[in-house]
Structure formats: C-alpha cells, structure tokens
Amino acid sequence: MASPGRQSIACDPLSSAENRLSFRSMEFDRKESAAYLANLLAKAASRALQARADGAGFAPGQFPVLLELWSGDGLTQRELLDRLDIEQATMANTLARMQRDGLISRRRHPKDKRAQLVFLTSRGKALRETAMAAASATEDTLFRGFRRFERELLLEYMRMVLANLGRDPRL
C-alpha cells in the first residue's frame, strides 16, 4: 500500500517511461553510452578488417564502395553517395584513391555529360574473394562467444537503433 501523499502505480518494468534511461537525469557515463560504444566498435571493427586485409590491396574505407560495385558495376558517384550515405568530399577522395590504386575506372555518362560512371577494373573485381573472406573473418571475431540467437538479436537491436536515427535499417 502506498504511503500518504504517494500514489501507487503498477507498472510494466519493460515499458514504463519511469524505468527508461534518461541522460538528462543522470551524469553522462561513456561506458554506458550506446553512441560512445558504437563509435569504439566501428573503429575496432575497421582496424580488424584492415589487419585481415593487409596487403590485399584495399583499405577498410573502400570496402563499402567495393560492395556496391560488386553488386552492380557502372554507378555514378551520386548513386554511391546515396547508397552509402557519406559526405561528397569523402566519396571523391575514396574514389580518387581507388582509381590511383587501379581498383576502379571512370567513364563519362552517356546521357549526362557532368556525371561519370564508376566501374571496377579487373583488379577491383579480383579482390572480391579476398575482401569477403577478410570481412567474414572479422565478423567471426566480432561475434566470438555469441550464440546464434544472441548475434541475431544484437543485429536486430542495431537495426532498431539505426531506424530510430532515421537510417534505413535494411542497409
């Protein structure tokens, strides 16, 4: 029974607003911050991919571009920007390095003289197996000790967070 002046409220501990975390009411603790931990995870995953791909001929920042081009060659820079949601300057620098390294070539768009189409070279195409093996090994390391349902649940939670931030969780 509630004491005088206090209201007794039955609540579901999983859905009650009073039980949800609010950073406004507590001091920021980076060890409990999803954003901080996601940043650390992204950096560590990128380093792990780089270590596995060392000497393969691509950098971790180029991997998303390679994935898109392996799925469909001949995309414009704008299409790559839209699909990968990165800054234009970052994309321009990444493509310039990939062209310098012989991974891609660019050709004028047949209908839009301002645009260029990005194509994988034979060297870029040949990286697929090595890059995918490096990515797969990185994933294995990330989820070492996880049971299958824990892995699937974590990935689903990550998609939910991305959706909360306005990102397409199917990416």
Protein backbone atom coordinates (compact mmCIF):
# COMPACT_ATOMS: atom_id res chain seq x y z
CA MET A 1 0.00 0.00 0.00
CA ALA A 2 1.27 3.48 -0.83
CA SER A 3 2.22 5.88 1.93
CA PRO A 4 0.16 9.08 2.34
CA GLY A 5 0.85 11.57 -0.40
CA ARG A 6 2.30 8.93 -2.73
CA GLN A 7 0.44 7.25 -5.48
CA SER A 8 0.89 3.54 -6.01
CA ILE A 9 1.43 2.75 -9.67
CA ALA A 10 1.53 -0.72 -11.12
CA CYS A 11 4.00 -0.70 -13.93
CA ASP A 12 5.49 -2.97 -16.51
CA PRO A 13 9.26 -2.71 -15.93
CA LEU A 14 9.96 -3.19 -19.64
CA SER A 15 7.67 -0.46 -20.95
CA SER A 16 7.27 2.10 -18.19
CA ALA A 17 8.57 5.55 -19.03
CA GLU A 18 9.83 5.93 -15.46
CA ASN A 19 12.10 2.91 -15.96
CA ARG A 20 13.67 4.08 -19.21
CA LEU A 21 17.11 5.65 -19.08
CA SER A 22 17.24 9.40 -19.35
CA PHE A 23 20.62 11.03 -19.79
CA ARG A 24 19.09 14.33 -18.72
CA SER A 25 18.59 12.99 -15.20
CA MET A 26 22.00 11.38 -14.76
CA GLU A 27 25.60 12.23 -15.34
CA PHE A 28 26.98 11.09 -18.69
CA ASP A 29 28.97 7.87 -18.40
CA ARG A 30 30.69 6.89 -21.62
CA LYS A 31 30.84 3.23 -20.57
CA GLU A 32 27.02 3.26 -20.57
CA SER A 33 26.65 5.32 -23.76
CA ALA A 34 25.43 3.45 -26.84
CA ALA A 35 26.82 6.20 -29.09
CA TYR A 36 30.26 6.06 -27.49
CA LEU A 37 30.37 2.26 -27.57
CA ALA A 38 29.14 2.20 -31.19
CA ASN A 39 31.97 4.56 -32.11
CA LEU A 40 34.52 2.30 -30.39
CA LEU A 41 33.03 -0.74 -32.09
CA ALA A 42 33.17 0.88 -35.52
CA LYS A 43 36.83 1.82 -35.05
CA ALA A 44 37.78 -1.62 -33.70
CA ALA A 45 35.90 -3.42 -36.50
CA SER A 46 37.59 -1.24 -39.11
CA ARG A 47 41.03 -1.97 -37.62
CA ALA A 48 40.25 -5.70 -37.51
CA LEU A 49 39.20 -5.65 -41.17
CA GLN A 50 42.33 -3.68 -42.07
CA ALA A 51 44.55 -6.21 -40.26
CA ARG A 52 42.92 -9.11 -42.12
CA ALA A 53 43.03 -7.31 -45.46
CA ASP A 54 46.58 -6.04 -45.03
CA GLY A 55 48.38 -6.48 -48.31
CA ALA A 56 45.17 -7.43 -50.17
CA GLY A 57 45.06 -4.11 -51.99
CA PHE A 58 42.16 -2.23 -50.41
CA ALA A 59 41.51 -0.08 -47.35
CA PRO A 60 38.55 -0.56 -44.98
CA GLY A 61 37.05 2.76 -46.11
CA GLN A 62 36.95 1.42 -49.67
CA PHE A 63 35.13 -1.77 -48.69
CA PRO A 64 31.58 -0.28 -48.78
CA VAL A 65 32.25 1.14 -52.26
CA LEU A 66 33.58 -2.20 -53.42
CA LEU A 67 30.48 -3.96 -52.05
CA GLU A 68 28.20 -1.63 -54.00
CA LEU A 69 30.18 -2.03 -57.21
CA TRP A 70 30.35 -5.81 -56.85
CA SER A 71 26.54 -5.72 -56.61
CA GLY A 72 26.21 -3.54 -59.69
CA ASP A 73 29.02 -2.01 -61.67
CA GLY A 74 28.69 1.29 -63.51
CA LEU A 75 27.20 3.51 -60.81
CA THR A 76 27.52 7.27 -60.69
CA GLN A 77 29.22 8.99 -57.78
CA ARG A 78 25.78 10.36 -56.80
CA GLU A 79 24.32 6.84 -56.69
CA LEU A 80 27.20 5.69 -54.49
CA LEU A 81 26.70 8.70 -52.20
CA ASP A 82 23.00 7.97 -51.84
CA ARG A 83 23.53 4.27 -51.17
CA LEU A 84 26.38 4.70 -48.69
CA ASP A 85 25.26 7.95 -47.03
CA ILE A 86 28.70 9.51 -46.78
CA GLU A 87 29.93 13.03 -47.49
CA GLN A 88 30.64 14.04 -51.07
CA ALA A 89 34.23 15.04 -50.28
CA THR A 90 34.89 11.70 -48.58
CA MET A 91 33.49 9.84 -51.58
CA ALA A 92 35.54 11.91 -54.03
CA ASN A 93 38.75 11.20 -52.08
CA THR A 94 37.93 7.49 -51.75
CA LEU A 95 37.25 7.15 -55.48
CA ALA A 96 40.42 9.09 -56.34
CA ARG A 97 42.49 6.69 -54.19
CA MET A 98 40.71 3.67 -55.66
CA GLN A 99 41.42 4.93 -59.18
CA ARG A 100 45.05 5.63 -58.29
CA ASP A 101 45.34 2.09 -56.89
CA GLY A 102 43.86 0.59 -60.05
CA LEU A 103 40.63 -0.66 -58.43
CA ILE A 104 38.21 1.45 -60.47
CA SER A 105 37.98 3.37 -63.69
CA ARG A 106 35.64 6.23 -64.52
CA ARG A 107 33.86 6.88 -67.79
CA ARG A 108 31.64 9.67 -68.95
CA HIS A 109 27.95 9.06 -68.51
CA PRO A 110 26.42 8.65 -71.99
CA LYS A 111 23.41 10.87 -71.20
CA ASP A 112 24.70 13.26 -68.53
CA LYS A 113 27.98 14.89 -69.54
CA ARG A 114 28.52 16.15 -65.97
CA ALA A 115 28.41 12.67 -64.45
CA GLN A 116 30.87 9.82 -64.59
CA LEU A 117 30.17 6.14 -64.23
CA VAL A 118 32.36 4.16 -61.85
CA PHE A 119 33.46 0.69 -62.93
CA LEU A 120 35.59 -1.91 -61.25
CA THR A 121 38.80 -2.82 -63.02
CA SER A 122 39.86 -6.44 -63.30
CA ARG A 123 41.99 -5.81 -60.20
CA GLY A 124 38.96 -4.47 -58.31
CA LYS A 125 36.86 -7.45 -59.36
CA ALA A 126 39.61 -9.87 -58.36
CA LEU A 127 39.63 -8.51 -54.79
CA ARG A 128 36.13 -9.76 -54.07
CA GLU A 129 37.00 -13.21 -52.71
CA THR A 130 39.86 -11.93 -50.54
CA ALA A 131 37.85 -8.98 -49.24
CA MET A 132 34.80 -11.09 -48.45
CA ALA A 133 36.97 -13.63 -46.61
CA ALA A 134 38.53 -10.79 -44.56
CA ALA A 135 35.07 -9.37 -43.78
CA SER A 136 33.76 -12.80 -42.81
CA ALA A 137 36.74 -13.42 -40.51
CA THR A 138 36.19 -10.01 -38.93
CA GLU A 139 32.52 -10.86 -38.30
CA ASP A 140 33.55 -14.17 -36.76
CA THR A 141 35.86 -12.32 -34.38
CA LEU A 142 33.21 -9.73 -33.51
CA PHE A 143 30.74 -12.45 -32.54
CA ARG A 144 33.13 -14.92 -30.91
CA GLY A 145 31.41 -16.39 -27.86
CA PHE A 146 27.93 -15.37 -29.02
CA ARG A 147 25.22 -17.92 -29.56
CA ARG A 148 23.35 -17.63 -32.86
CA PHE A 149 20.24 -16.07 -31.34
CA GLU A 150 22.40 -13.52 -29.43
CA ARG A 151 24.08 -12.49 -32.67
CA GLU A 152 20.73 -12.18 -34.43
CA LEU A 153 19.26 -10.24 -31.51
CA LEU A 154 22.18 -7.81 -31.38
CA LEU A 155 21.92 -7.20 -35.12
CA GLU A 156 18.18 -6.61 -34.79
CA TYR A 157 18.76 -4.13 -31.96
CA MET A 158 21.36 -2.35 -34.08
CA ARG A 159 18.83 -2.07 -36.92
CA MET A 160 16.27 -0.65 -34.49
CA VAL A 161 18.73 1.99 -33.30
CA LEU A 162 19.53 2.91 -36.90
CA ALA A 163 15.81 3.25 -37.62
CA ASN A 164 15.46 5.48 -34.55
CA LEU A 165 18.13 7.70 -36.06
CA GLY A 166 16.35 7.88 -39.41
CA ARG A 167 18.65 5.46 -41.21
CA ASP A 168 17.33 2.65 -43.35
CA PRO A 169 17.87 -0.42 -41.14
CA ARG A 170 17.98 -2.70 -44.19
CA LEU A 171 21.37 -1.34 -45.22
